Amino acid sequence: RTGQIKMKQIAFKHYHEFFDGISERQLIEAYAVTGGVPKYIESFE
């Protein structure tokens, strides 16, 4: 191989980009369940 990528969960600082119009508290609560897994976040949206 010339390179590899191990995909990690998305950091909380980018979490708000998945949602529109929800508070910081709601973001933290949702992140506490879904973490940074995009498919989980999509289900919660």
PDB file of all heavy atoms in Angstrom:
ATOM      1  N   ARG A   1       0.828  -1.206   0.000  1.00  0.00           N
ATOM      2  CA  ARG A   1       0.000   0.000   0.000  1.00  0.00           C
ATOM      3  C   ARG A   1       0.861   1.254   0.000  1.00  0.00           C
ATOM      4  O   ARG A   1       1.965   1.265   0.549  1.00  0.00           O
ATOM      5  CB  ARG A   1      -0.920   0.010   1.218  1.00  0.00           C
ATOM      6  CG  ARG A   1      -0.204   0.275   2.529  1.00  0.00           C
ATOM      7  CD  ARG A   1      -1.130   0.087   3.727  1.00  0.00           C
ATOM      8  NE  ARG A   1      -0.489   0.474   4.980  1.00  0.00           N
ATOM      9  CZ  ARG A   1       0.323  -0.305   5.682  1.00  0.00           C
ATOM     10  NH1 ARG A   1       0.615  -1.520   5.252  1.00  0.00           N
ATOM     11  NH2 ARG A   1       0.841   0.118   6.825  1.00  0.00           N
ATOM     12  N   THR A   2       0.349   2.302  -0.609  1.00  0.00           N
ATOM     13  CA  THR A   2       1.019   3.604  -0.542  1.00  0.00           C
ATOM     14  C   THR A   2       0.423   4.458   0.565  1.00  0.00           C
ATOM     15  O   THR A   2       0.967   5.500   0.911  1.00  0.00           O
ATOM     16  CB  THR A   2       0.897   4.338  -1.887  1.00  0.00           C
ATOM     17  OG1 THR A   2      -0.485   4.456  -2.250  1.00  0.00           O
ATOM     18  CG2 THR A   2       1.633   3.582  -2.975  1.00  0.00           C
ATOM     19  N   GLY A   3      -0.718   4.031   1.120  1.00  0.00           N
ATOM     20  CA  GLY A   3      -1.331   4.774   2.217  1.00  0.00           C
ATOM     21  C   GLY A   3      -2.549   4.058   2.746  1.00  0.00           C
ATOM     22  O   GLY A   3      -3.044   3.109   2.143  1.00  0.00           O
ATOM     23  N   GLN A   4      -3.019   4.498   3.902  1.00  0.00           N
ATOM     24  CA  GLN A   4      -4.235   3.925   4.479  1.00  0.00           C
ATOM     25  C   GLN A   4      -4.997   4.996   5.235  1.00  0.00           C
ATOM     26  O   GLN A   4      -4.415   5.972   5.707  1.00  0.00           O
ATOM     27  CB  GLN A   4      -3.919   2.751   5.413  1.00  0.00           C
ATOM     28  CG  GLN A   4      -3.266   3.122   6.733  1.00  0.00           C
ATOM     29  CD  GLN A   4      -1.791   3.390   6.590  1.00  0.00           C
ATOM     30  OE1 GLN A   4      -1.097   2.745   5.806  1.00  0.00           O
ATOM     31  NE2 GLN A   4      -1.291   4.356   7.352  1.00  0.00           N
ATOM     32  N   ILE A   5      -6.298   4.800   5.332  1.00  0.00           N
ATOM     33  CA  ILE A   5      -7.167   5.707   6.089  1.00  0.00           C
ATOM     34  C   ILE A   5      -8.010   4.853   7.020  1.00  0.00           C
ATOM     35  O   ILE A   5      -8.756   3.973   6.567  1.00  0.00           O
ATOM     36  CB  ILE A   5      -8.098   6.513   5.167  1.00  0.00           C
ATOM     37  CG1 ILE A   5      -7.303   7.435   4.241  1.00  0.00           C
ATOM     38  CG2 ILE A   5      -9.092   7.336   5.998  1.00  0.00           C
ATOM     39  CD1 ILE A   5      -8.157   8.141   3.195  1.00  0.00           C
ATOM     40  N   LYS A   6      -7.882   5.082   8.323  1.00  0.00           N
ATOM     41  CA  LYS A   6      -8.800   4.468   9.271  1.00  0.00           C
ATOM     42  C   LYS A   6      -9.853   5.507   9.609  1.00  0.00           C
ATOM     43  O   LYS A   6      -9.555   6.521  10.235  1.00  0.00           O
ATOM     44  CB  LYS A   6      -8.097   3.989  10.538  1.00  0.00           C
ATOM     45  CG  LYS A   6      -9.050   3.252  11.481  1.00  0.00           C
ATOM     46  CD  LYS A   6      -8.363   2.719  12.722  1.00  0.00           C
ATOM     47  CE  LYS A   6      -9.358   1.943  13.588  1.00  0.00           C
ATOM     48  NZ  LYS A   6      -8.739   1.426  14.833  1.00  0.00           N
ATOM     49  N   MET A   7     -11.069   5.272   9.194  1.00  0.00           N
ATOM     50  CA  MET A   7     -12.134   6.249   9.389  1.00  0.00           C
ATOM     51  C   MET A   7     -12.544   6.311  10.856  1.00  0.00           C
ATOM     52  O   MET A   7     -12.802   5.280  11.494  1.00  0.00           O
ATOM     53  CB  MET A   7     -13.344   5.880   8.530  1.00  0.00           C
ATOM     54  CG  MET A   7     -13.082   5.918   7.042  1.00  0.00           C
ATOM     55  SD  MET A   7     -12.993   7.591   6.383  1.00  0.00           S
ATOM     56  CE  MET A   7     -14.731   8.006   6.305  1.00  0.00           C
ATOM     57  N   LYS A   8     -12.589   7.514  11.375  1.00  0.00           N
ATOM     58  CA  LYS A   8     -12.964   7.748  12.764  1.00  0.00           C
ATOM     59  C   LYS A   8     -14.317   8.446  12.835  1.00  0.00           C
ATOM     60  O   LYS A   8     -14.836   8.942  11.835  1.00  0.00           O
ATOM     61  CB  LYS A   8     -11.899   8.626  13.434  1.00  0.00           C
ATOM     62  CG  LYS A   8     -10.511   8.003  13.488  1.00  0.00           C
ATOM     63  CD  LYS A   8     -10.417   6.960  14.557  1.00  0.00           C
ATOM     64  CE  LYS A   8      -8.986   6.509  14.780  1.00  0.00           C
ATOM     65  NZ  LYS A   8      -8.869   5.539  15.875  1.00  0.00           N
ATOM     66  N   GLN A   9     -14.859   8.522  14.036  1.00  0.00           N
ATOM     67  CA  GLN A   9     -16.103   9.251  14.233  1.00  0.00           C
ATOM     68  C   GLN A   9     -15.870  10.749  14.050  1.00  0.00           C
ATOM     69  O   GLN A   9     -14.762  11.257  14.265  1.00  0.00           O
ATOM     70  CB  GLN A   9     -16.671   8.964  15.622  1.00  0.00           C
ATOM     71  CG  GLN A   9     -17.082   7.513  15.806  1.00  0.00           C
ATOM     72  CD  GLN A   9     -17.883   7.296  17.062  1.00  0.00           C
ATOM     73  OE1 GLN A   9     -18.509   8.210  17.592  1.00  0.00           O
ATOM     74  NE2 GLN A   9     -17.905   6.066  17.551  1.00  0.00           N
ATOM     75  N   ILE A  10     -16.903  11.452  13.653  1.00  0.00           N
ATOM     76  CA  ILE A  10     -16.825  12.892  13.431  1.00  0.00           C
ATOM     77  C   ILE A  10     -16.806  13.616  14.777  1.00  0.00           C
ATOM     78  O   ILE A  10     -17.569  13.292  15.689  1.00  0.00           O
ATOM     79  CB  ILE A  10     -18.008  13.358  12.563  1.00  0.00           C
ATOM     80  CG1 ILE A  10     -17.808  12.843  11.131  1.00  0.00           C
ATOM     81  CG2 ILE A  10     -18.162  14.871  12.567  1.00  0.00           C
ATOM     82  CD1 ILE A  10     -18.971  13.079  10.217  1.00  0.00           C
ATOM     83  N   ALA A  11     -15.921  14.583  14.903  1.00  0.00           N
ATOM     84  CA  ALA A  11     -15.760  15.317  16.160  1.00  0.00           C
ATOM     85  C   ALA A  11     -17.001  16.160  16.466  1.00  0.00           C
ATOM     86  O   ALA A  11     -17.717  16.595  15.559  1.00  0.00           O
ATOM     87  CB  ALA A  11     -14.528  16.214  16.086  1.00  0.00           C
ATOM     88  N   PHE A  12     -17.212  16.423  17.742  1.00  0.00           N
ATOM     89  CA  PHE A  12     -18.389  17.184  18.158  1.00  0.00           C
ATOM     90  C   PHE A  12     -18.411  18.584  17.553  1.00  0.00           C
ATOM     91  O   PHE A  12     -19.488  19.130  17.285  1.00  0.00           O
ATOM     92  CB  PHE A  12     -18.445  17.278  19.681  1.00  0.00           C
ATOM     93  CG  PHE A  12     -19.600  18.103  20.180  1.00  0.00           C
ATOM     94  CD1 PHE A  12     -20.899  17.622  20.121  1.00  0.00           C
ATOM     95  CD2 PHE A  12     -19.396  19.390  20.672  1.00  0.00           C
ATOM     96  CE1 PHE A  12     -21.971  18.388  20.555  1.00  0.00           C
ATOM     97  CE2 PHE A  12     -20.458  20.159  21.107  1.00  0.00           C
ATOM     98  CZ  PHE A  12     -21.749  19.657  21.049  1.00  0.00           C
ATOM     99  N   LYS A  13     -17.258  19.172  17.317  1.00  0.00           N
ATOM    100  CA  LYS A  13     -17.232  20.542  16.792  1.00  0.00           C
ATOM    101  C   LYS A  13     -17.885  20.638  15.414  1.00  0.00           C
ATOM    102  O   LYS A  13     -18.257  21.735  14.983  1.00  0.00           O
ATOM    103  CB  LYS A  13     -15.804  21.079  16.749  1.00  0.00           C
ATOM    104  CG  LYS A  13     -14.877  20.351  15.800  1.00  0.00           C
ATOM    105  CD  LYS A  13     -13.471  20.934  15.877  1.00  0.00           C
ATOM    106  CE  LYS A  13     -12.504  20.187  14.966  1.00  0.00           C
ATOM    107  NZ  LYS A  13     -11.139  20.734  15.063  1.00  0.00           N
ATOM    108  N   HIS A  14     -18.030  19.526  14.717  1.00  0.00           N
ATOM    109  CA  HIS A  14     -18.701  19.518  13.414  1.00  0.00           C
ATOM    110  C   HIS A  14     -20.137  18.987  13.506  1.00  0.00           C
ATOM    111  O   HIS A  14     -20.833  18.930  12.501  1.00  0.00           O
ATOM    112  CB  HIS A  14     -17.923  18.665  12.417  1.00  0.00           C
ATOM    113  CG  HIS A  14     -16.549  19.180  12.141  1.00  0.00           C
ATOM    114  ND1 HIS A  14     -16.314  20.283  11.357  1.00  0.00           N
ATOM    115  CD2 HIS A  14     -15.327  18.737  12.559  1.00  0.00           C
ATOM    116  CE1 HIS A  14     -15.012  20.500  11.293  1.00  0.00           C
ATOM    117  NE2 HIS A  14     -14.403  19.590  12.017  1.00  0.00           N
ATOM    118  N   TYR A  15     -20.538  18.597  14.707  1.00  0.00           N
ATOM    119  CA  TYR A  15     -21.826  17.928  14.887  1.00  0.00           C
ATOM    120  C   TYR A  15     -23.003  18.809  14.471  1.00  0.00           C
ATOM    121  O   TYR A  15     -23.983  18.334  13.900  1.00  0.00           O
ATOM    122  CB  TYR A  15     -21.959  17.509  16.350  1.00  0.00           C
ATOM    123  CG  TYR A  15     -22.993  16.446  16.614  1.00  0.00           C
ATOM    124  CD1 TYR A  15     -22.749  15.112  16.304  1.00  0.00           C
ATOM    125  CD2 TYR A  15     -24.212  16.771  17.203  1.00  0.00           C
ATOM    126  CE1 TYR A  15     -23.691  14.135  16.569  1.00  0.00           C
ATOM    127  CE2 TYR A  15     -25.158  15.796  17.470  1.00  0.00           C
ATOM    128  CZ  TYR A  15     -24.890  14.484  17.155  1.00  0.00           C
ATOM    129  OH  TYR A  15     -25.832  13.514  17.413  1.00  0.00           O
ATOM    130  N   HIS A  16     -22.891  20.109  14.737  1.00  0.00           N
ATOM    131  CA  HIS A  16     -23.992  21.024  14.430  1.00  0.00           C
ATOM    132  C   HIS A  16     -24.282  21.102  12.938  1.00  0.00           C
ATOM    133  O   HIS A  16     -25.388  21.491  12.533  1.00  0.00           O
ATOM    134  CB  HIS A  16     -23.671  22.429  14.962  1.00  0.00           C
ATOM    135  CG  HIS A  16     -22.566  23.108  14.209  1.00  0.00           C
ATOM    136  ND1 HIS A  16     -21.231  22.860  14.467  1.00  0.00           N
ATOM    137  CD2 HIS A  16     -22.592  23.998  13.182  1.00  0.00           C
ATOM    138  CE1 HIS A  16     -20.496  23.578  13.653  1.00  0.00           C
ATOM    139  NE2 HIS A  16     -21.283  24.268  12.856  1.00  0.00           N
ATOM    140  N   GLU A  17     -23.327  20.715  12.107  1.00  0.00           N
ATOM    141  CA  GLU A  17     -23.522  20.796  10.665  1.00  0.00           C
ATOM    142  C   GLU A  17     -24.568  19.798  10.165  1.00  0.00           C
ATOM    143  O   GLU A  17     -25.081  19.935   9.056  1.00  0.00           O
ATOM    144  CB  GLU A  17     -22.188  20.567   9.944  1.00  0.00           C
ATOM    145  CG  GLU A  17     -21.132  21.625  10.257  1.00  0.00           C
ATOM    146  CD  GLU A  17     -19.790  21.307   9.637  1.00  0.00           C
ATOM    147  OE1 GLU A  17     -19.783  20.865   8.472  1.00  0.00           O
ATOM    148  OE2 GLU A  17     -18.757  21.479  10.312  1.00  0.00           O
ATOM    149  N   PHE A  18     -24.878  18.815  10.981  1.00  0.00           N
ATOM    150  CA  PHE A  18     -25.897  17.833  10.604  1.00  0.00           C
ATOM    151  C   PHE A  18     -27.315  18.351  10.859  1.00  0.00           C
ATOM    152  O   PHE A  18     -28.280  17.791  10.352  1.00  0.00           O
ATOM    153  CB  PHE A  18     -25.713  16.538  11.399  1.00  0.00           C
ATOM    154  CG  PHE A  18     -24.537  15.715  10.967  1.00  0.00           C
ATOM    155  CD1 PHE A  18     -23.308  15.833  11.596  1.00  0.00           C
ATOM    156  CD2 PHE A  18     -24.658  14.814   9.923  1.00  0.00           C
ATOM    157  CE1 PHE A  18     -22.228  15.067  11.208  1.00  0.00           C
ATOM    158  CE2 PHE A  18     -23.583  14.043   9.523  1.00  0.00           C
ATOM    159  CZ  PHE A  18     -22.365  14.170  10.164  1.00  0.00           C
ATOM    160  N   PHE A  19     -27.448  19.386  11.677  1.00  0.00           N
ATOM    161  CA  PHE A  19     -28.762  19.809  12.143  1.00  0.00           C
ATOM    162  C   PHE A  19     -29.005  21.284  11.850  1.00  0.00           C
ATOM    163  O   PHE A  19     -28.068  22.069  11.730  1.00  0.00           O
ATOM    164  CB  PHE A  19     -28.887  19.582  13.655  1.00  0.00           C
ATOM    165  CG  PHE A  19     -28.680  18.160  14.087  1.00  0.00           C
ATOM    166  CD1 PHE A  19     -27.433  17.735  14.501  1.00  0.00           C
ATOM    167  CD2 PHE A  19     -29.726  17.249  14.079  1.00  0.00           C
ATOM    168  CE1 PHE A  19     -27.230  16.425  14.909  1.00  0.00           C
ATOM    169  CE2 PHE A  19     -29.528  15.942  14.485  1.00  0.00           C
ATOM    170  CZ  PHE A  19     -28.277  15.532  14.898  1.00  0.00           C
ATOM    171  N   ASP A  20     -30.267  21.638  11.810  1.00  0.00           N
ATOM    172  CA  ASP A  20     -30.655  23.038  11.665  1.00  0.00           C
ATOM    173  C   ASP A  20     -31.524  23.448  12.848  1.00  0.00           C
ATOM    174  O   ASP A  20     -32.487  22.760  13.192  1.00  0.00           O
ATOM    175  CB  ASP A  20     -31.454  23.252  10.370  1.00  0.00           C
ATOM    176  CG  ASP A  20     -30.602  23.042   9.125  1.00  0.00           C
ATOM    177  OD1 ASP A  20     -29.457  23.505   9.123  1.00  0.00           O
ATOM    178  OD2 ASP A  20     -31.087  22.400   8.176  1.00  0.00           O
ATOM    179  N   GLY A  21     -31.156  24.555  13.484  1.00  0.00           N
ATOM    180  CA  GLY A  21     -32.035  25.181  14.453  1.00  0.00           C
ATOM    181  C   GLY A  21     -32.225  24.479  15.776  1.00  0.00           C
ATOM    182  O   GLY A  21     -33.280  24.609  16.400  1.00  0.00           O
ATOM    183  N   ILE A  22     -31.228  23.704  16.242  1.00  0.00           N
ATOM    184  CA  ILE A  22     -31.379  23.124  17.580  1.00  0.00           C
ATOM    185  C   ILE A  22     -30.296  23.699  18.490  1.00  0.00           C
ATOM    186  O   ILE A  22     -29.246  24.159  18.048  1.00  0.00           O
ATOM    187  CB  ILE A  22     -31.358  21.587  17.581  1.00  0.00           C
ATOM    188  CG1 ILE A  22     -29.965  21.033  17.266  1.00  0.00           C
ATOM    189  CG2 ILE A  22     -32.366  21.037  16.604  1.00  0.00           C
ATOM    190  CD1 ILE A  22     -29.874  19.533  17.471  1.00  0.00           C
ATOM    191  N   SER A  23     -30.564  23.668  19.776  1.00  0.00           N
ATOM    192  CA  SER A  23     -29.698  24.326  20.754  1.00  0.00           C
ATOM    193  C   SER A  23     -28.430  23.513  21.012  1.00  0.00           C
ATOM    194  O   SER A  23     -28.343  22.327  20.688  1.00  0.00           O
ATOM    195  CB  SER A  23     -30.448  24.511  22.072  1.00  0.00           C
ATOM    196  OG  SER A  23     -30.693  23.247  22.681  1.00  0.00           O
ATOM    197  N   GLU A  24     -27.480  24.172  21.669  1.00  0.00           N
ATOM    198  CA  GLU A  24     -26.237  23.497  22.034  1.00  0.00           C
ATOM    199  C   GLU A  24     -26.507  22.340  22.989  1.00  0.00           C
ATOM    200  O   GLU A  24     -25.887  21.275  22.885  1.00  0.00           O
ATOM    201  CB  GLU A  24     -25.281  24.501  22.694  1.00  0.00           C
ATOM    202  CG  GLU A  24     -23.898  23.952  23.015  1.00  0.00           C
ATOM    203  CD  GLU A  24     -22.956  23.925  21.818  1.00  0.00           C
ATOM    204  OE1 GLU A  24     -23.370  24.324  20.716  1.00  0.00           O
ATOM    205  OE2 GLU A  24     -21.803  23.493  21.992  1.00  0.00           O
ATOM    206  N   ARG A  25     -27.449  22.532  23.891  1.00  0.00           N
ATOM    207  CA  ARG A  25     -27.786  21.451  24.827  1.00  0.00           C
ATOM    208  C   ARG A  25     -28.346  20.248  24.072  1.00  0.00           C
ATOM    209  O   ARG A  25     -27.994  19.099  24.362  1.00  0.00           O
ATOM    210  CB  ARG A  25     -28.784  21.945  25.869  1.00  0.00           C
ATOM    211  CG  ARG A  25     -29.099  20.883  26.926  1.00  0.00           C
ATOM    212  CD  ARG A  25     -30.098  21.354  27.969  1.00  0.00           C
ATOM    213  NE  ARG A  25     -30.212  20.364  29.021  1.00  0.00           N
ATOM    214  CZ  ARG A  25     -29.447  20.309  30.112  1.00  0.00           C
ATOM    215  NH1 ARG A  25     -28.493  21.201  30.282  1.00  0.00           N
ATOM    216  NH2 ARG A  25     -29.601  19.365  31.019  1.00  0.00           N
ATOM    217  N   GLN A  26     -29.232  20.502  23.115  1.00  0.00           N
ATOM    218  CA  GLN A  26     -29.800  19.409  22.330  1.00  0.00           C
ATOM    219  C   GLN A  26     -28.721  18.693  21.528  1.00  0.00           C
ATOM    220  O   GLN A  26     -28.759  17.468  21.378  1.00  0.00           O
ATOM    221  CB  GLN A  26     -30.887  19.948  21.406  1.00  0.00           C
ATOM    222  CG  GLN A  26     -32.153  20.383  22.145  1.00  0.00           C
ATOM    223  CD  GLN A  26     -33.103  21.174  21.261  1.00  0.00           C
ATOM    224  OE1 GLN A  26     -32.672  21.935  20.393  1.00  0.00           O
ATOM    225  NE2 GLN A  26     -34.398  21.005  21.482  1.00  0.00           N
ATOM    226  N   LEU A  27     -27.746  19.454  21.039  1.00  0.00           N
ATOM    227  CA  LEU A  27     -26.636  18.844  20.310  1.00  0.00           C
ATOM    228  C   LEU A  27     -25.833  17.910  21.209  1.00  0.00           C
ATOM    229  O   LEU A  27     -25.500  16.789  20.819  1.00  0.00           O
ATOM    230  CB  LEU A  27     -25.720  19.923  19.740  1.00  0.00           C
ATOM    231  CG  LEU A  27     -26.234  20.736  18.554  1.00  0.00           C
ATOM    232  CD1 LEU A  27     -25.269  21.869  18.244  1.00  0.00           C
ATOM    233  CD2 LEU A  27     -26.423  19.850  17.324  1.00  0.00           C
ATOM    234  N   ILE A  28     -25.530  18.366  22.414  1.00  0.00           N
ATOM    235  CA  ILE A  28     -24.747  17.552  23.347  1.00  0.00           C
ATOM    236  C   ILE A  28     -25.518  16.298  23.728  1.00  0.00           C
ATOM    237  O   ILE A  28     -24.954  15.195  23.776  1.00  0.00           O
ATOM    238  CB  ILE A  28     -24.362  18.371  24.594  1.00  0.00           C
ATOM    239  CG1 ILE A  28     -23.371  19.473  24.207  1.00  0.00           C
ATOM    240  CG2 ILE A  28     -23.764  17.474  25.679  1.00  0.00           C
ATOM    241  CD1 ILE A  28     -23.108  20.486  25.298  1.00  0.00           C
ATOM    242  N   GLU A  29     -26.815  16.440  23.978  1.00  0.00           N
ATOM    243  CA  GLU A  29     -27.628  15.276  24.352  1.00  0.00           C
ATOM    244  C   GLU A  29     -27.681  14.255  23.220  1.00  0.00           C
ATOM    245  O   GLU A  29     -27.572  13.046  23.447  1.00  0.00           O
ATOM    246  CB  GLU A  29     -29.035  15.732  24.738  1.00  0.00           C
ATOM    247  CG  GLU A  29     -29.079  16.490  26.057  1.00  0.00           C
ATOM    248  CD  GLU A  29     -30.457  17.077  26.351  1.00  0.00           C
ATOM    249  OE1 GLU A  29     -31.322  17.095  25.447  1.00  0.00           O
ATOM    250  OE2 GLU A  29     -30.658  17.524  27.500  1.00  0.00           O
ATOM    251  N   ALA A  30     -27.848  14.734  21.992  1.00  0.00           N
ATOM    252  CA  ALA A  30     -27.885  13.816  20.848  1.00  0.00           C
ATOM    253  C   ALA A  30     -26.526  13.162  20.631  1.00  0.00           C
ATOM    254  O   ALA A  30     -26.440  11.959  20.353  1.00  0.00           O
ATOM    255  CB  ALA A  30     -28.338  14.556  19.594  1.00  0.00           C
ATOM    256  N   TYR A  31     -25.463  13.953  20.775  1.00  0.00           N
ATOM    257  CA  TYR A  31     -24.112  13.419  20.611  1.00  0.00           C
ATOM    258  C   TYR A  31     -23.812  12.365  21.676  1.00  0.00           C
ATOM    259  O   TYR A  31     -23.081  11.400  21.408  1.00  0.00           O
ATOM    260  CB  TYR A  31     -23.117  14.575  20.696  1.00  0.00           C
ATOM    261  CG  TYR A  31     -21.676  14.169  20.490  1.00  0.00           C
ATOM    262  CD1 TYR A  31     -21.194  13.858  19.220  1.00  0.00           C
ATOM    263  CD2 TYR A  31     -20.788  14.121  21.566  1.00  0.00           C
ATOM    264  CE1 TYR A  31     -19.861  13.505  19.024  1.00  0.00           C
ATOM    265  CE2 TYR A  31     -19.458  13.771  21.382  1.00  0.00           C
ATOM    266  CZ  TYR A  31     -19.008  13.463  20.113  1.00  0.00           C
ATOM    267  OH  TYR A  31     -17.697  13.111  19.930  1.00  0.00           O
ATOM    268  N   ALA A  32     -24.373  12.536  22.859  1.00  0.00           N
ATOM    269  CA  ALA A  32     -24.158  11.577  23.939  1.00  0.00           C
ATOM    270  C   ALA A  32     -24.691  10.197  23.583  1.00  0.00           C
ATOM    271  O   ALA A  32     -24.237   9.190  24.146  1.00  0.00           O
ATOM    272  CB  ALA A  32     -24.811  12.079  25.232  1.00  0.00           C
ATOM    273  N   VAL A  33     -25.640  10.131  22.663  1.00  0.00           N
ATOM    274  CA  VAL A  33     -26.179   8.843  22.233  1.00  0.00           C
ATOM    275  C   VAL A  33     -25.541   8.387  20.924  1.00  0.00           C
ATOM    276  O   VAL A  33     -25.060   7.272  20.799  1.00  0.00           O
ATOM    277  CB  VAL A  33     -27.711   8.893  22.078  1.00  0.00           C
ATOM    278  CG1 VAL A  33     -28.255   7.513  21.679  1.00  0.00           C
ATOM    279  CG2 VAL A  33     -28.372   9.361  23.367  1.00  0.00           C
ATOM    280  N   THR A  34     -25.517   9.251  19.937  1.00  0.00           N
ATOM    281  CA  THR A  34     -25.068   8.836  18.610  1.00  0.00           C
ATOM    282  C   THR A  34     -23.560   8.883  18.426  1.00  0.00           C
ATOM    283  O   THR A  34     -23.023   8.232  17.519  1.00  0.00           O
ATOM    284  CB  THR A  34     -25.677   9.735  17.523  1.00  0.00           C
ATOM    285  OG1 THR A  34     -25.165  11.069  17.668  1.00  0.00           O
ATOM    286  CG2 THR A  34     -27.191   9.773  17.617  1.00  0.00           C
ATOM    287  N   GLY A  35     -22.855   9.646  19.263  1.00  0.00           N
ATOM    288  CA  GLY A  35     -21.444   9.859  19.005  1.00  0.00           C
ATOM    289  C   GLY A  35     -21.272  10.538  17.656  1.00  0.00           C
ATOM    290  O   GLY A  35     -22.124  11.304  17.212  1.00  0.00           O
ATOM    291  N   GLY A  36     -20.171  10.232  16.985  1.00  0.00           N
ATOM    292  CA  GLY A  36     -19.915  10.853  15.687  1.00  0.00           C
ATOM    293  C   GLY A  36     -20.101   9.896  14.529  1.00  0.00           C
ATOM    294  O   GLY A  36     -19.410  10.024  13.511  1.00  0.00           O
ATOM    295  N   VAL A  37     -21.025   8.941  14.657  1.00  0.00           N
ATOM    296  CA  VAL A  37     -21.290   7.983  13.579  1.00  0.00           C
ATOM    297  C   VAL A  37     -22.371   8.566  12.665  1.00  0.00           C
ATOM    298  O   VAL A  37     -23.522   8.723  13.081  1.00  0.00           O
ATOM    299  CB  VAL A  37     -21.753   6.624  14.138  1.00  0.00           C
ATOM    300  CG1 VAL A  37     -22.021   5.634  12.996  1.00  0.00           C
ATOM    301  CG2 VAL A  37     -20.691   6.059  15.088  1.00  0.00           C
ATOM    302  N   PRO A  38     -22.024   8.906  11.425  1.00  0.00           N
ATOM    303  CA  PRO A  38     -22.976   9.617  10.552  1.00  0.00           C
ATOM    304  C   PRO A  38     -24.332   8.938  10.390  1.00  0.00           C
ATOM    305  O   PRO A  38     -25.361   9.609  10.401  1.00  0.00           O
ATOM    306  CB  PRO A  38     -22.227   9.688   9.215  1.00  0.00           C
ATOM    307  CG  PRO A  38     -20.787   9.689   9.605  1.00  0.00           C
ATOM    308  CD  PRO A  38     -20.699   8.777  10.790  1.00  0.00           C
ATOM    309  N   LYS A  39     -24.345   7.622  10.257  1.00  0.00           N
ATOM    310  CA  LYS A  39     -25.622   6.925  10.060  1.00  0.00           C
ATOM    311  C   LYS A  39     -26.519   7.051  11.282  1.00  0.00           C
ATOM    312  O   LYS A  39     -27.739   7.223  11.164  1.00  0.00           O
ATOM    313  CB  LYS A  39     -25.363   5.449   9.746  1.00  0.00           C
ATOM    314  CG  LYS A  39     -26.605   4.656   9.384  1.00  0.00           C
ATOM    315  CD  LYS A  39     -27.209   5.106   8.071  1.00  0.00           C
ATOM    316  CE  LYS A  39     -28.386   4.221   7.670  1.00  0.00           C
ATOM    317  NZ  LYS A  39     -29.024   4.677   6.427  1.00  0.00           N
ATOM    318  N   TYR A  40     -25.945   6.984  12.469  1.00  0.00           N
ATOM    319  CA  TYR A  40     -26.728   7.151  13.693  1.00  0.00           C
ATOM    320  C   TYR A  40     -27.296   8.564  13.767  1.00  0.00           C
ATOM    321  O   TYR A  40     -28.465   8.770  14.131  1.00  0.00           O
ATOM    322  CB  TYR A  40     -25.869   6.910  14.945  1.00  0.00           C
ATOM    323  CG  TYR A  40     -25.213   5.569  15.065  1.00  0.00           C
ATOM    324  CD1 TYR A  40     -24.312   5.309  16.097  1.00  0.00           C
ATOM    325  CD2 TYR A  40     -25.447   4.534  14.152  1.00  0.00           C
ATOM    326  CE1 TYR A  40     -23.693   4.090  16.240  1.00  0.00           C
ATOM    327  CE2 TYR A  40     -24.822   3.302  14.278  1.00  0.00           C
ATOM    328  CZ  TYR A  40     -23.944   3.088  15.324  1.00  0.00           C
ATOM    329  OH  TYR A  40     -23.309   1.888  15.466  1.00  0.00           O
ATOM    330  N   ILE A  41     -26.445   9.536  13.436  1.00  0.00           N
ATOM    331  CA  ILE A  41     -26.873  10.933  13.477  1.00  0.00           C
ATOM    332  C   ILE A  41     -28.035  11.158  12.513  1.00  0.00           C
ATOM    333  O   ILE A  41     -29.010  11.835  12.843  1.00  0.00           O
ATOM    334  CB  ILE A  41     -25.698  11.866  13.125  1.00  0.00           C
ATOM    335  CG1 ILE A  41     -24.528  11.642  14.093  1.00  0.00           C
ATOM    336  CG2 ILE A  41     -26.123  13.331  13.169  1.00  0.00           C
ATOM    337  CD1 ILE A  41     -23.231  12.295  13.659  1.00  0.00           C
ATOM    338  N   GLU A  42     -27.932  10.582  11.340  1.00  0.00           N
ATOM    339  CA  GLU A  42     -28.994  10.714  10.339  1.00  0.00           C
ATOM    340  C   GLU A  42     -30.319  10.173  10.867  1.00  0.00           C
ATOM    341  O   GLU A  42     -31.381  10.752  10.627  1.00  0.00           O
ATOM    342  CB  GLU A  42     -28.589   9.967   9.069  1.00  0.00           C
ATOM    343  CG  GLU A  42     -29.571  10.105   7.924  1.00  0.00           C
ATOM    344  CD  GLU A  42     -29.119   9.376   6.672  1.00  0.00           C
ATOM    345  OE1 GLU A  42     -27.951   8.928   6.635  1.00  0.00           O
ATOM    346  OE2 GLU A  42     -29.922   9.250   5.743  1.00  0.00           O
ATOM    347  N   SER A  43     -30.269   9.076  11.615  1.00  0.00           N
ATOM    348  CA  SER A  43     -31.493   8.505  12.181  1.00  0.00           C
ATOM    349  C   SER A  43     -32.127   9.434  13.205  1.00  0.00           C
ATOM    350  O   SER A  43     -33.352   9.521  13.313  1.00  0.00           O
ATOM    351  CB  SER A  43     -31.178   7.154  12.847  1.00  0.00           C
ATOM    352  OG  SER A  43     -30.706   6.221  11.907  1.00  0.00           O
ATOM    353  N   PHE A  44     -31.295  10.142  13.964  1.00  0.00           N
ATOM    354  CA  PHE A  44     -31.794  11.013  15.036  1.00  0.00           C
ATOM    355  C   PHE A  44     -32.312  12.355  14.513  1.00  0.00           C
ATOM    356  O   PHE A  44     -33.084  13.021  15.198  1.00  0.00           O
ATOM    357  CB  PHE A  44     -30.679  11.257  16.057  1.00  0.00           C
ATOM    358  CG  PHE A  44     -30.695  10.304  17.214  1.00  0.00           C
ATOM    359  CD1 PHE A  44     -30.737   8.934  17.004  1.00  0.00           C
ATOM    360  CD2 PHE A  44     -30.693  10.762  18.518  1.00  0.00           C
ATOM    361  CE1 PHE A  44     -30.753   8.039  18.059  1.00  0.00           C
ATOM    362  CE2 PHE A  44     -30.708   9.884  19.593  1.00  0.00           C
ATOM    363  CZ  PHE A  44     -30.743   8.509  19.359  1.00  0.00           C
ATOM    364  N   GLU A  45     -31.885  12.744  13.332  1.00  0.00           N
ATOM    365  CA  GLU A  45     -32.169  14.098  12.842  1.00  0.00           C
ATOM    366  C   GLU A  45     -33.650  14.484  12.866  1.00  0.00           C
ATOM    367  O   GLU A  45     -33.995  15.593  13.297  1.00  0.00           O
ATOM    368  CB  GLU A  45     -31.585  14.256  11.428  1.00  0.00           C
ATOM    369  CG  GLU A  45     -31.499  15.688  10.952  1.00  0.00           C
ATOM    370  CD  GLU A  45     -32.743  16.112  10.192  1.00  0.00           C
ATOM    371  OE1 GLU A  45     -33.495  15.216   9.752  1.00  0.00           O
ATOM    372  OE2 GLU A  45     -32.961  17.317  10.053  1.00  0.00           O
TER     373      GLU A  45
END
